[in-house]
Amino acid sequence: MHQEERQHRHARPRLETLSDLIYGLSLSIGAISLVITNSTQSNAIDIDRNILEFLFVFLILITSWIIYTSDMSVLPIETRLVTLLNVILLILVAIIPYLFDQAVSLINTPDVQNYASILFTFDYSGSLFIMAGFAHLIAQEEEQLVHEDQMIRFRRIRNRLTILTIIVLFSTAVPWDWLILGVHVRLLIGLVPIASFWFNRMRASPFGIPRTPKHG
């Protein structure tokens, strides 16, 4: 019994360390691709476009990392299911920068961009769905991982992430040649989960100051 507890205590930090490395590597790949893109002759419009593309991937990854670390801080036991979901999530996170870069690369043909954007959408929605699964595991009453009020919060998070997963998946139905201000509509829909997360985070705790319950 004690040996099993020690194994769990050691396994968890290793998994968290690996997760941080994968997220950090994905962010680094995005930054490296930005430098490589700007190594050729560019004009002001190209520079602005490259920065916006990098910020898009950065916001996806950093938002995913915040949600992920929040879930992992609550899940106390590394079950086979949690470990499997972790591995799948990290695979999806690792290839996000590559798929996005292929989707927006001006070197690729529209057909290749369209195909890469579909894979990127599946990848993105898959990561959201897995994090919804983490929230579902935390919200289960029989597990008693958190207090009842926290269970309600994680159920809301689970439901919101599930809805966002569906929204991102539905973006594949949008034709790739639909543009708004020169930006593909399919990619713009990918901003919905980011906006939803930061809006709810600021509403719950604006400027990092916890809301105090109202009395009377």
N, C-alpha and C. Protein backbone atom coordinates (compact mmCIF):
# COMPACT_ATOMS: atom_id res chain seq x y z
N MET A 1 0.83 -1.20 0.00
CA MET A 1 0.00 0.00 0.00
C MET A 1 0.87 1.25 0.00
N HIS A 2 1.84 1.28 0.91
CA HIS A 2 2.74 2.44 0.98
C HIS A 2 3.58 2.54 -0.29
N GLN A 3 3.99 1.39 -0.83
CA GLN A 3 4.78 1.41 -2.05
C GLN A 3 3.97 1.98 -3.22
N GLU A 4 2.67 1.62 -3.29
CA GLU A 4 1.82 2.14 -4.35
C GLU A 4 1.66 3.65 -4.24
N GLU A 5 1.50 4.15 -3.00
CA GLU A 5 1.37 5.59 -2.79
C GLU A 5 2.64 6.32 -3.21
N ARG A 6 3.80 5.73 -2.91
CA ARG A 6 5.07 6.35 -3.31
C ARG A 6 5.19 6.40 -4.82
N GLN A 7 4.71 5.33 -5.48
CA GLN A 7 4.79 5.30 -6.93
C GLN A 7 3.93 6.39 -7.54
N HIS A 8 2.72 6.61 -6.97
CA HIS A 8 1.85 7.65 -7.47
C HIS A 8 2.44 9.02 -7.23
N ARG A 9 3.10 9.21 -6.07
CA ARG A 9 3.69 10.50 -5.77
C ARG A 9 4.82 10.83 -6.75
N HIS A 10 5.56 9.80 -7.15
CA HIS A 10 6.68 10.03 -8.07
C HIS A 10 6.19 10.13 -9.51
N ALA A 11 5.14 9.37 -9.85
CA ALA A 11 4.65 9.36 -11.23
C ALA A 11 4.03 10.70 -11.60
N ARG A 12 3.33 11.29 -10.66
CA ARG A 12 2.63 12.53 -10.97
C ARG A 12 3.58 13.67 -11.35
N PRO A 13 4.63 13.96 -10.56
CA PRO A 13 5.55 15.02 -10.97
C PRO A 13 6.20 14.75 -12.32
N ARG A 14 6.52 13.48 -12.61
CA ARG A 14 7.14 13.16 -13.90
C ARG A 14 6.17 13.48 -15.05
N LEU A 15 4.90 13.14 -14.86
CA LEU A 15 3.91 13.42 -15.89
C LEU A 15 3.71 14.92 -16.07
N GLU A 16 3.67 15.65 -14.96
CA GLU A 16 3.51 17.09 -15.04
C GLU A 16 4.72 17.74 -15.71
N THR A 17 5.92 17.24 -15.39
CA THR A 17 7.14 17.77 -16.00
C THR A 17 7.13 17.53 -17.51
N LEU A 18 6.73 16.32 -17.92
CA LEU A 18 6.64 16.00 -19.35
C LEU A 18 5.62 16.90 -20.03
N SER A 19 4.49 17.12 -19.37
CA SER A 19 3.45 17.97 -19.95
C SER A 19 3.96 19.39 -20.14
N ASP A 20 4.64 19.94 -19.14
CA ASP A 20 5.19 21.28 -19.26
C ASP A 20 6.20 21.35 -20.41
N LEU A 21 6.99 20.28 -20.57
CA LEU A 21 7.98 20.26 -21.66
C LEU A 21 7.29 20.26 -23.02
N ILE A 22 6.21 19.47 -23.15
CA ILE A 22 5.50 19.40 -24.43
C ILE A 22 4.87 20.74 -24.78
N TYR A 23 4.21 21.35 -23.79
CA TYR A 23 3.60 22.67 -24.04
C TYR A 23 4.68 23.70 -24.37
N GLY A 24 5.79 23.65 -23.63
CA GLY A 24 6.89 24.58 -23.90
C GLY A 24 7.50 24.36 -25.27
N LEU A 25 7.62 23.09 -25.66
CA LEU A 25 8.17 22.77 -26.98
C LEU A 25 7.26 23.28 -28.09
N SER A 26 5.95 23.12 -27.91
CA SER A 26 5.01 23.59 -28.92
C SER A 26 5.09 25.10 -29.07
N LEU A 27 5.19 25.81 -27.94
CA LEU A 27 5.34 27.26 -28.00
C LEU A 27 6.64 27.65 -28.68
N SER A 28 7.70 26.90 -28.40
CA SER A 28 9.00 27.19 -29.01
C SER A 28 8.97 26.98 -30.51
N ILE A 29 8.28 25.91 -30.95
CA ILE A 29 8.17 25.65 -32.38
C ILE A 29 7.46 26.80 -33.08
N GLY A 30 6.40 27.32 -32.43
CA GLY A 30 5.70 28.46 -33.00
C GLY A 30 6.60 29.67 -33.12
N ALA A 31 7.43 29.91 -32.10
CA ALA A 31 8.34 31.05 -32.13
C ALA A 31 9.42 30.85 -33.19
N ILE A 32 9.91 29.62 -33.31
CA ILE A 32 10.95 29.33 -34.31
C ILE A 32 10.41 29.53 -35.72
N SER A 33 9.18 29.04 -35.95
CA SER A 33 8.58 29.21 -37.27
C SER A 33 8.38 30.69 -37.60
N LEU A 34 8.12 31.50 -36.58
CA LEU A 34 7.98 32.94 -36.78
C LEU A 34 9.30 33.54 -37.24
N VAL A 35 10.40 33.12 -36.61
CA VAL A 35 11.72 33.63 -36.98
C VAL A 35 12.11 33.18 -38.38
N ILE A 36 11.83 31.90 -38.69
CA ILE A 36 12.16 31.38 -40.02
C ILE A 36 11.38 32.11 -41.10
N THR A 37 10.09 32.36 -40.82
CA THR A 37 9.26 33.06 -41.80
C THR A 37 9.78 34.45 -42.06
N ASN A 38 10.24 35.12 -41.00
CA ASN A 38 10.71 36.49 -41.13
C ASN A 38 12.16 36.58 -41.60
N SER A 39 12.80 35.41 -41.82
CA SER A 39 14.18 35.44 -42.30
C SER A 39 14.26 35.85 -43.77
N THR A 40 13.14 35.70 -44.49
CA THR A 40 13.09 36.15 -45.87
C THR A 40 12.64 37.60 -45.90
N GLN A 41 12.74 38.20 -47.08
CA GLN A 41 12.35 39.60 -47.20
C GLN A 41 10.85 39.75 -46.96
N SER A 42 10.47 40.68 -46.08
CA SER A 42 9.07 40.86 -45.72
C SER A 42 8.72 42.34 -45.77
N ASN A 43 7.43 42.59 -45.97
CA ASN A 43 6.95 43.95 -45.85
C ASN A 43 6.15 44.08 -44.55
N ALA A 44 5.62 45.27 -44.30
CA ALA A 44 4.92 45.53 -43.04
C ALA A 44 3.70 44.62 -42.89
N ILE A 45 3.00 44.37 -43.97
CA ILE A 45 1.81 43.51 -43.91
C ILE A 45 2.19 42.08 -43.54
N ASP A 46 3.30 41.59 -44.11
CA ASP A 46 3.77 40.24 -43.80
C ASP A 46 4.13 40.11 -42.32
N ILE A 47 4.81 41.13 -41.80
CA ILE A 47 5.22 41.10 -40.39
C ILE A 47 3.98 41.06 -39.48
N ASP A 48 3.00 41.92 -39.78
CA ASP A 48 1.78 41.93 -38.97
C ASP A 48 1.06 40.59 -39.04
N ARG A 49 1.00 40.03 -40.23
CA ARG A 49 0.33 38.74 -40.42
C ARG A 49 1.02 37.63 -39.65
N ASN A 50 2.35 37.60 -39.70
CA ASN A 50 3.09 36.56 -39.00
C ASN A 50 2.93 36.67 -37.48
N ILE A 51 2.94 37.90 -36.98
CA ILE A 51 2.76 38.09 -35.54
C ILE A 51 1.37 37.65 -35.10
N LEU A 52 0.34 37.99 -35.87
CA LEU A 52 -1.02 37.60 -35.52
C LEU A 52 -1.19 36.08 -35.55
N GLU A 53 -0.57 35.44 -36.52
CA GLU A 53 -0.63 33.98 -36.60
C GLU A 53 0.05 33.33 -35.40
N PHE A 54 1.20 33.89 -35.01
CA PHE A 54 1.89 33.36 -33.83
C PHE A 54 1.05 33.56 -32.57
N LEU A 55 0.44 34.74 -32.42
CA LEU A 55 -0.38 35.01 -31.25
C LEU A 55 -1.58 34.07 -31.19
N PHE A 56 -2.12 33.72 -32.33
CA PHE A 56 -3.26 32.80 -32.37
C PHE A 56 -2.87 31.45 -31.78
N VAL A 57 -1.77 30.89 -32.25
CA VAL A 57 -1.30 29.59 -31.73
C VAL A 57 -0.90 29.72 -30.26
N PHE A 58 -0.25 30.84 -29.93
CA PHE A 58 0.18 31.06 -28.54
C PHE A 58 -1.03 31.06 -27.60
N LEU A 59 -2.10 31.75 -27.98
CA LEU A 59 -3.29 31.83 -27.14
C LEU A 59 -3.96 30.47 -27.00
N ILE A 60 -3.97 29.70 -28.07
CA ILE A 60 -4.54 28.34 -27.98
C ILE A 60 -3.77 27.50 -26.98
N LEU A 61 -2.44 27.52 -27.10
CA LEU A 61 -1.60 26.68 -26.25
C LEU A 61 -1.60 27.14 -24.79
N ILE A 62 -1.51 28.44 -24.57
CA ILE A 62 -1.43 28.93 -23.19
C ILE A 62 -2.78 28.75 -22.49
N THR A 63 -3.88 28.91 -23.24
CA THR A 63 -5.21 28.68 -22.66
C THR A 63 -5.38 27.21 -22.32
N SER A 64 -4.97 26.35 -23.23
CA SER A 64 -5.04 24.91 -22.98
C SER A 64 -4.20 24.52 -21.78
N TRP A 65 -3.02 25.11 -21.66
CA TRP A 65 -2.13 24.78 -20.54
C TRP A 65 -2.73 25.21 -19.20
N ILE A 66 -3.35 26.37 -19.17
CA ILE A 66 -3.97 26.85 -17.92
C ILE A 66 -5.10 25.92 -17.49
N ILE A 67 -5.95 25.55 -18.45
CA ILE A 67 -7.05 24.63 -18.12
C ILE A 67 -6.50 23.27 -17.69
N TYR A 68 -5.49 22.80 -18.40
CA TYR A 68 -4.90 21.50 -18.11
C TYR A 68 -4.28 21.46 -16.71
N THR A 69 -3.48 22.45 -16.38
CA THR A 69 -2.84 22.45 -15.06
C THR A 69 -3.86 22.60 -13.94
N SER A 70 -4.95 23.33 -14.21
CA SER A 70 -6.01 23.46 -13.22
C SER A 70 -6.66 22.10 -12.95
N ASP A 71 -6.89 21.33 -14.01
CA ASP A 71 -7.49 20.00 -13.84
C ASP A 71 -6.53 19.05 -13.13
N MET A 72 -5.26 19.08 -13.53
CA MET A 72 -4.30 18.15 -12.95
C MET A 72 -4.01 18.44 -11.48
N SER A 73 -4.23 19.68 -11.06
CA SER A 73 -4.02 20.00 -9.65
C SER A 73 -5.09 19.40 -8.76
N VAL A 74 -6.20 18.97 -9.38
CA VAL A 74 -7.31 18.39 -8.62
C VAL A 74 -7.31 16.88 -8.70
N LEU A 75 -6.98 16.33 -9.87
CA LEU A 75 -6.96 14.87 -10.02
C LEU A 75 -5.80 14.30 -9.22
N PRO A 76 -6.08 13.57 -8.11
CA PRO A 76 -5.01 13.13 -7.21
C PRO A 76 -4.37 11.81 -7.59
N ILE A 77 -5.03 11.00 -8.41
CA ILE A 77 -4.55 9.66 -8.71
C ILE A 77 -4.38 9.50 -10.21
N GLU A 78 -3.23 8.97 -10.61
CA GLU A 78 -2.96 8.74 -12.02
C GLU A 78 -3.52 7.37 -12.42
N THR A 79 -4.81 7.33 -12.75
CA THR A 79 -5.42 6.10 -13.21
C THR A 79 -5.00 5.84 -14.65
N ARG A 80 -5.30 4.64 -15.14
CA ARG A 80 -4.94 4.31 -16.52
C ARG A 80 -5.67 5.23 -17.50
N LEU A 81 -6.94 5.53 -17.20
CA LEU A 81 -7.71 6.41 -18.07
C LEU A 81 -7.11 7.81 -18.13
N VAL A 82 -6.77 8.36 -16.96
CA VAL A 82 -6.19 9.70 -16.90
C VAL A 82 -4.85 9.73 -17.62
N THR A 83 -4.05 8.70 -17.43
CA THR A 83 -2.75 8.63 -18.09
C THR A 83 -2.92 8.56 -19.61
N LEU A 84 -3.87 7.73 -20.07
CA LEU A 84 -4.11 7.60 -21.51
C LEU A 84 -4.58 8.93 -22.10
N LEU A 85 -5.51 9.60 -21.42
CA LEU A 85 -6.00 10.89 -21.89
C LEU A 85 -4.87 11.92 -21.92
N ASN A 86 -3.98 11.86 -20.92
CA ASN A 86 -2.83 12.76 -20.90
C ASN A 86 -1.95 12.56 -22.12
N VAL A 87 -1.66 11.31 -22.44
CA VAL A 87 -0.78 11.01 -23.58
C VAL A 87 -1.41 11.51 -24.88
N ILE A 88 -2.71 11.23 -25.06
CA ILE A 88 -3.39 11.67 -26.28
C ILE A 88 -3.40 13.19 -26.37
N LEU A 89 -3.68 13.84 -25.24
CA LEU A 89 -3.72 15.31 -25.24
C LEU A 89 -2.36 15.90 -25.61
N LEU A 90 -1.30 15.33 -25.06
CA LEU A 90 0.04 15.86 -25.35
C LEU A 90 0.42 15.65 -26.82
N ILE A 91 -0.03 14.54 -27.41
CA ILE A 91 0.21 14.32 -28.84
C ILE A 91 -0.49 15.41 -29.65
N LEU A 92 -1.74 15.68 -29.29
CA LEU A 92 -2.51 16.71 -30.01
C LEU A 92 -1.86 18.08 -29.86
N VAL A 93 -1.41 18.39 -28.65
CA VAL A 93 -0.77 19.68 -28.39
C VAL A 93 0.52 19.81 -29.19
N ALA A 94 1.27 18.72 -29.28
CA ALA A 94 2.58 18.77 -29.93
C ALA A 94 2.49 19.09 -31.42
N ILE A 95 1.38 18.67 -32.08
CA ILE A 95 1.31 18.88 -33.53
C ILE A 95 0.44 20.08 -33.92
N ILE A 96 -0.11 20.79 -32.93
CA ILE A 96 -0.91 21.98 -33.25
C ILE A 96 -0.12 23.01 -34.05
N PRO A 97 1.10 23.40 -33.64
CA PRO A 97 1.84 24.42 -34.42
C PRO A 97 2.11 23.99 -35.85
N TYR A 98 2.44 22.72 -36.06
CA TYR A 98 2.74 22.24 -37.41
C TYR A 98 1.51 22.32 -38.30
N LEU A 99 0.37 21.82 -37.82
CA LEU A 99 -0.85 21.82 -38.63
C LEU A 99 -1.30 23.24 -38.95
N PHE A 100 -1.21 24.12 -37.96
CA PHE A 100 -1.61 25.50 -38.22
C PHE A 100 -0.69 26.16 -39.23
N ASP A 101 0.60 25.90 -39.11
CA ASP A 101 1.57 26.49 -40.05
C ASP A 101 1.30 26.01 -41.47
N GLN A 102 0.93 24.73 -41.63
CA GLN A 102 0.62 24.21 -42.96
C GLN A 102 -0.67 24.81 -43.50
N ALA A 103 -1.61 25.12 -42.59
CA ALA A 103 -2.90 25.67 -43.02
C ALA A 103 -2.77 27.10 -43.53
N VAL A 104 -1.83 27.85 -42.98
CA VAL A 104 -1.71 29.26 -43.36
C VAL A 104 -0.52 29.53 -44.27
N SER A 105 0.29 28.51 -44.54
CA SER A 105 1.47 28.71 -45.38
C SER A 105 1.09 29.12 -46.79
N LEU A 106 1.64 30.23 -47.25
CA LEU A 106 1.35 30.73 -48.59
C LEU A 106 2.02 29.87 -49.66
N ILE A 107 2.95 29.03 -49.25
CA ILE A 107 3.63 28.15 -50.21
C ILE A 107 2.70 27.03 -50.64
N ASN A 108 1.82 26.58 -49.73
CA ASN A 108 0.92 25.47 -50.03
C ASN A 108 -0.22 25.91 -50.94
N THR A 109 -0.73 24.96 -51.69
CA THR A 109 -1.90 25.22 -52.53
C THR A 109 -3.14 25.31 -51.64
N PRO A 110 -4.23 25.92 -52.14
CA PRO A 110 -5.46 26.00 -51.35
C PRO A 110 -5.98 24.63 -50.90
N ASP A 111 -5.82 23.61 -51.73
CA ASP A 111 -6.27 22.27 -51.35
C ASP A 111 -5.49 21.74 -50.16
N VAL A 112 -4.18 21.95 -50.17
CA VAL A 112 -3.34 21.51 -49.05
C VAL A 112 -3.68 22.31 -47.80
N GLN A 113 -3.87 23.62 -47.95
CA GLN A 113 -4.25 24.45 -46.81
C GLN A 113 -5.58 23.99 -46.21
N ASN A 114 -6.53 23.68 -47.09
CA ASN A 114 -7.84 23.22 -46.64
C ASN A 114 -7.71 21.92 -45.85
N TYR A 115 -6.93 20.97 -46.39
CA TYR A 115 -6.73 19.68 -45.71
C TYR A 115 -6.05 19.87 -44.36
N ALA A 116 -5.01 20.71 -44.33
CA ALA A 116 -4.30 20.96 -43.07
C ALA A 116 -5.20 21.64 -42.06
N SER A 117 -6.06 22.54 -42.53
CA SER A 117 -6.96 23.24 -41.60
C SER A 117 -7.99 22.29 -41.01
N ILE A 118 -8.43 21.31 -41.78
CA ILE A 118 -9.37 20.30 -41.26
C ILE A 118 -8.69 19.47 -40.18
N LEU A 119 -7.46 19.03 -40.45
CA LEU A 119 -6.71 18.28 -39.43
C LEU A 119 -6.47 19.13 -38.19
N PHE A 120 -6.15 20.41 -38.40
CA PHE A 120 -5.95 21.33 -37.28
C PHE A 120 -7.23 21.46 -36.46
N THR A 121 -8.37 21.55 -37.12
CA THR A 121 -9.65 21.67 -36.42
C THR A 121 -9.95 20.43 -35.61
N PHE A 122 -9.72 19.24 -36.19
CA PHE A 122 -9.93 17.99 -35.45
C PHE A 122 -8.99 17.91 -34.24
N ASP A 123 -7.75 18.33 -34.47
CA ASP A 123 -6.75 18.32 -33.39
C ASP A 123 -7.19 19.25 -32.25
N TYR A 124 -7.57 20.45 -32.60
CA TYR A 124 -7.98 21.47 -31.64
C TYR A 124 -9.22 21.02 -30.86
N SER A 125 -10.23 20.55 -31.58
CA SER A 125 -11.46 20.10 -30.92
C SER A 125 -11.20 18.86 -30.06
N GLY A 126 -10.29 18.00 -30.49
CA GLY A 126 -9.95 16.83 -29.69
C GLY A 126 -9.34 17.21 -28.35
N SER A 127 -8.47 18.22 -28.35
CA SER A 127 -7.87 18.67 -27.09
C SER A 127 -8.92 19.27 -26.16
N LEU A 128 -9.88 20.00 -26.73
CA LEU A 128 -10.96 20.56 -25.92
C LEU A 128 -11.81 19.45 -25.31
N PHE A 129 -12.08 18.42 -26.11
CA PHE A 129 -12.93 17.32 -25.65
C PHE A 129 -12.26 16.54 -24.52
N ILE A 130 -10.95 16.34 -24.62
CA ILE A 130 -10.23 15.63 -23.56
C ILE A 130 -10.26 16.43 -22.27
N MET A 131 -10.09 17.75 -22.37
CA MET A 131 -10.14 18.57 -21.16
C MET A 131 -11.55 18.61 -20.57
N ALA A 132 -12.56 18.48 -21.43
CA ALA A 132 -13.93 18.32 -20.93
C ALA A 132 -14.05 16.99 -20.18
N GLY A 133 -13.35 15.97 -20.68
CA GLY A 133 -13.34 14.68 -19.99
C GLY A 133 -12.69 14.76 -18.62
N PHE A 134 -11.60 15.52 -18.51
CA PHE A 134 -10.97 15.73 -17.21
C PHE A 134 -11.95 16.39 -16.23
N ALA A 135 -12.63 17.42 -16.71
CA ALA A 135 -13.60 18.13 -15.87
C ALA A 135 -14.72 17.19 -15.44
N HIS A 136 -15.12 16.28 -16.34
CA HIS A 136 -16.17 15.32 -16.00
C HIS A 136 -15.71 14.37 -14.90
N LEU A 137 -14.47 13.90 -14.99
CA LEU A 137 -13.94 13.01 -13.96
C LEU A 137 -13.89 13.70 -12.60
N ILE A 138 -13.51 14.97 -12.61
CA ILE A 138 -13.43 15.72 -11.35
C ILE A 138 -14.81 15.96 -10.77
N ALA A 139 -15.81 16.14 -11.63
CA ALA A 139 -17.16 16.51 -11.18
C ALA A 139 -17.98 15.31 -10.69
N GLN A 140 -17.45 14.10 -10.81
CA GLN A 140 -18.22 12.94 -10.38
C GLN A 140 -18.33 12.90 -8.86
N GLU A 141 -19.56 12.74 -8.36
CA GLU A 141 -19.81 12.78 -6.92
C GLU A 141 -19.16 11.61 -6.20
N GLU A 142 -19.18 10.43 -6.83
CA GLU A 142 -18.65 9.24 -6.14
C GLU A 142 -17.15 9.33 -5.92
N GLU A 143 -16.46 10.11 -6.73
CA GLU A 143 -15.01 10.25 -6.55
C GLU A 143 -14.68 11.20 -5.41
N GLN A 144 -15.54 12.17 -5.15
CA GLN A 144 -15.34 13.14 -4.06
C GLN A 144 -13.97 13.79 -4.12
N LEU A 145 -13.61 14.25 -5.29
CA LEU A 145 -12.31 14.90 -5.47
C LEU A 145 -12.34 16.35 -5.01
N VAL A 146 -13.50 16.97 -5.08
CA VAL A 146 -13.64 18.38 -4.69
C VAL A 146 -14.92 18.54 -3.90
N HIS A 147 -15.08 19.71 -3.30
CA HIS A 147 -16.30 20.01 -2.57
C HIS A 147 -17.47 20.16 -3.54
N GLU A 148 -18.68 20.14 -2.98
CA GLU A 148 -19.88 20.15 -3.81
C GLU A 148 -19.97 21.40 -4.68
N ASP A 149 -19.59 22.55 -4.13
CA ASP A 149 -19.66 23.77 -4.93
C ASP A 149 -18.66 23.72 -6.08
N GLN A 150 -17.51 23.08 -5.85
CA GLN A 150 -16.52 22.93 -6.92
C GLN A 150 -16.99 21.92 -7.97
N MET A 151 -17.75 20.90 -7.53
CA MET A 151 -18.32 19.95 -8.48
C MET A 151 -19.22 20.67 -9.48
N ILE A 152 -20.03 21.58 -8.96
CA ILE A 152 -20.93 22.35 -9.82
C ILE A 152 -20.13 23.17 -10.82
N ARG A 153 -19.03 23.77 -10.34
CA ARG A 153 -18.19 24.58 -11.23
C ARG A 153 -17.56 23.73 -12.33
N PHE A 154 -17.07 22.54 -11.98
CA PHE A 154 -16.45 21.68 -12.98
C PHE A 154 -17.47 21.10 -13.94
N ARG A 155 -18.71 20.92 -13.48
CA ARG A 155 -19.76 20.49 -14.40
C ARG A 155 -20.04 21.57 -15.44
N ARG A 156 -20.03 22.81 -14.98
CA ARG A 156 -20.22 23.92 -15.92
C ARG A 156 -19.06 23.98 -16.91
N ILE A 157 -17.85 23.78 -16.40
CA ILE A 157 -16.68 23.78 -17.28
C ILE A 157 -16.78 22.65 -18.29
N ARG A 158 -17.19 21.46 -17.82
CA ARG A 158 -17.36 20.31 -18.72
C ARG A 158 -18.38 20.62 -19.81
N ASN A 159 -19.51 21.17 -19.43
CA ASN A 159 -20.55 21.47 -20.40
C ASN A 159 -20.09 22.54 -21.40
N ARG A 160 -19.39 23.57 -20.88
CA ARG A 160 -18.92 24.64 -21.76
C ARG A 160 -17.88 24.12 -22.75
N LEU A 161 -16.95 23.29 -22.27
CA LEU A 161 -15.93 22.74 -23.15
C LEU A 161 -16.53 21.80 -24.19
N THR A 162 -17.57 21.07 -23.80
CA THR A 162 -18.23 20.19 -24.77
C THR A 162 -18.90 20.99 -25.87
N ILE A 163 -19.58 22.07 -25.49
CA ILE A 163 -20.22 22.94 -26.48
C ILE A 163 -19.18 23.57 -27.40
N LEU A 164 -18.07 24.02 -26.81
CA LEU A 164 -17.00 24.63 -27.61
C LEU A 164 -16.38 23.61 -28.56
N THR A 165 -16.27 22.36 -28.12
CA THR A 165 -15.77 21.30 -29.00
C THR A 165 -16.65 21.16 -30.23
N ILE A 166 -17.96 21.17 -30.01
CA ILE A 166 -18.90 21.04 -31.12
C ILE A 166 -18.81 22.24 -32.06
N ILE A 167 -18.68 23.44 -31.49
CA ILE A 167 -18.58 24.65 -32.31
C ILE A 167 -17.34 24.58 -33.21
N VAL A 168 -16.20 24.19 -32.62
CA VAL A 168 -14.97 24.10 -33.41
C VAL A 168 -15.09 23.04 -34.49
N LEU A 169 -15.71 21.90 -34.16
CA LEU A 169 -15.90 20.85 -35.16
C LEU A 169 -16.78 21.32 -36.32
N PHE A 170 -17.83 22.08 -35.99
CA PHE A 170 -18.72 22.57 -37.03
C PHE A 170 -18.03 23.56 -37.98
N SER A 171 -16.90 24.11 -37.55
CA SER A 171 -16.19 25.06 -38.42
C SER A 171 -15.67 24.38 -39.68
N THR A 172 -15.54 23.05 -39.66
CA THR A 172 -15.09 22.34 -40.87
C THR A 172 -16.13 22.44 -41.99
N ALA A 173 -17.38 22.76 -41.62
CA ALA A 173 -18.43 22.90 -42.64
C ALA A 173 -18.33 24.24 -43.38
N VAL A 174 -17.53 25.15 -42.82
CA VAL A 174 -17.35 26.46 -43.46
C VAL A 174 -16.34 26.31 -44.60
N PRO A 175 -16.68 26.73 -45.81
CA PRO A 175 -15.73 26.63 -46.93
C PRO A 175 -14.43 27.38 -46.63
N TRP A 176 -13.33 26.80 -47.06
CA TRP A 176 -12.01 27.37 -46.76
C TRP A 176 -11.82 28.73 -47.42
N ASP A 177 -12.50 28.98 -48.52
CA ASP A 177 -12.30 30.25 -49.23
C ASP A 177 -13.17 31.38 -48.68
N TRP A 178 -13.89 31.15 -47.59
CA TRP A 178 -14.62 32.22 -46.95
C TRP A 178 -13.67 33.05 -46.10
N LEU A 179 -13.59 34.35 -46.37
CA LEU A 179 -12.65 35.22 -45.68
C LEU A 179 -13.38 36.41 -45.07
N ILE A 180 -12.86 36.89 -43.95
CA ILE A 180 -13.28 38.15 -43.35
C ILE A 180 -12.03 38.97 -43.09
N LEU A 181 -11.92 40.10 -43.77
CA LEU A 181 -10.72 40.95 -43.68
C LEU A 181 -9.46 40.16 -43.99
N GLY A 182 -9.58 39.25 -44.95
CA GLY A 182 -8.42 38.48 -45.37
C GLY A 182 -8.09 37.29 -44.49
N VAL A 183 -8.92 37.03 -43.46
CA VAL A 183 -8.68 35.91 -42.54
C VAL A 183 -9.73 34.84 -42.79
N HIS A 184 -9.31 33.59 -42.83
CA HIS A 184 -10.23 32.48 -43.05
C HIS A 184 -11.24 32.39 -41.90
N VAL A 185 -12.51 32.29 -42.25
CA VAL A 185 -13.58 32.21 -41.24
C VAL A 185 -13.40 30.97 -40.37
N ARG A 186 -12.94 29.88 -40.99
CA ARG A 186 -12.75 28.64 -40.23
C ARG A 186 -11.76 28.84 -39.08
N LEU A 187 -10.72 29.62 -39.33
CA LEU A 187 -9.75 29.89 -38.28
C LEU A 187 -10.30 30.87 -37.25
N LEU A 188 -11.10 31.83 -37.70
CA LEU A 188 -11.68 32.79 -36.77
C LEU A 188 -12.58 32.10 -35.74
N ILE A 189 -13.27 31.04 -36.17
CA ILE A 189 -14.12 30.30 -35.23
C ILE A 189 -13.27 29.69 -34.12
N GLY A 190 -12.01 29.41 -34.42
CA GLY A 190 -11.12 28.87 -33.40
C GLY A 190 -10.85 29.83 -32.26
N LEU A 191 -11.20 31.11 -32.46
CA LEU A 191 -11.03 32.10 -31.39
C LEU A 191 -12.15 32.02 -30.35
N VAL A 192 -13.25 31.35 -30.69
CA VAL A 192 -14.39 31.29 -29.77
C VAL A 192 -14.02 30.64 -28.42
N PRO A 193 -13.34 29.48 -28.38
CA PRO A 193 -12.96 28.91 -27.09
C PRO A 193 -12.02 29.82 -26.29
N ILE A 194 -11.12 30.50 -26.98
CA ILE A 194 -10.19 31.40 -26.29
C ILE A 194 -10.95 32.55 -25.66
N ALA A 195 -11.84 33.17 -26.44
CA ALA A 195 -12.63 34.30 -25.93
C ALA A 195 -13.52 33.85 -24.78
N SER A 196 -14.11 32.66 -24.89
CA SER A 196 -14.99 32.14 -23.84
C SER A 196 -14.22 31.94 -22.54
N PHE A 197 -13.03 31.35 -22.64
CA PHE A 197 -12.24 31.08 -21.43
C PHE A 197 -11.85 32.37 -20.73
N TRP A 198 -11.28 33.32 -21.47
CA TRP A 198 -10.78 34.54 -20.84
C TRP A 198 -11.91 35.44 -20.35
N PHE A 199 -13.04 35.41 -21.05
CA PHE A 199 -14.19 36.18 -20.59
C PHE A 199 -14.69 35.64 -19.25
N ASN A 200 -14.83 34.31 -19.15
CA ASN A 200 -15.31 33.72 -17.90
C ASN A 200 -14.28 33.86 -16.78
N ARG A 201 -13.02 33.80 -17.16
CA ARG A 201 -11.97 33.96 -16.14
C ARG A 201 -11.97 35.38 -15.58
N MET A 202 -12.09 36.38 -16.43
CA MET A 202 -12.12 37.76 -15.97
C MET A 202 -13.40 38.08 -15.20
N ARG A 203 -14.51 37.45 -15.61
CA ARG A 203 -15.76 37.69 -14.91
C ARG A 203 -15.73 37.08 -13.52
N ALA A 204 -15.09 35.91 -13.38
CA ALA A 204 -15.03 35.25 -12.09
C ALA A 204 -14.01 35.90 -11.16
N SER A 205 -12.91 36.38 -11.75
CA SER A 205 -11.85 36.97 -10.93
C SER A 205 -11.17 38.09 -11.70
N PRO A 206 -11.81 39.25 -11.80
CA PRO A 206 -11.23 40.35 -12.59
C PRO A 206 -9.92 40.84 -12.00
N PHE A 207 -8.90 40.95 -12.88
CA PHE A 207 -7.58 41.44 -12.48
C PHE A 207 -6.96 40.62 -11.35
N GLY A 208 -7.37 39.33 -11.28
CA GLY A 208 -6.80 38.44 -10.27
C GLY A 208 -7.35 38.63 -8.88
N ILE A 209 -8.35 39.50 -8.72
CA ILE A 209 -8.93 39.74 -7.40
C ILE A 209 -10.16 38.87 -7.24
N PRO A 210 -10.18 37.92 -6.30
CA PRO A 210 -11.32 37.04 -6.13
C PRO A 210 -12.57 37.82 -5.78
N ARG A 211 -13.70 37.38 -6.33
CA ARG A 211 -14.96 38.02 -5.99
C ARG A 211 -15.35 37.63 -4.59
N THR A 212 -15.87 38.57 -3.84
CA THR A 212 -16.36 38.26 -2.50
C THR A 212 -17.86 38.09 -2.55
N PRO A 213 -18.38 37.08 -1.83
CA PRO A 213 -19.80 36.86 -1.87
C PRO A 213 -20.57 38.02 -1.27
N LYS A 214 -21.71 38.33 -1.89
CA LYS A 214 -22.55 39.43 -1.41
C LYS A 214 -23.42 38.94 -0.26
N HIS A 215 -23.59 39.78 0.73
CA HIS A 215 -24.41 39.44 1.88
C HIS A 215 -25.62 40.37 1.91
N GLY A 216 -26.70 39.85 2.46
CA GLY A 216 -27.89 40.66 2.62
C GLY A 216 -28.70 40.73 1.37
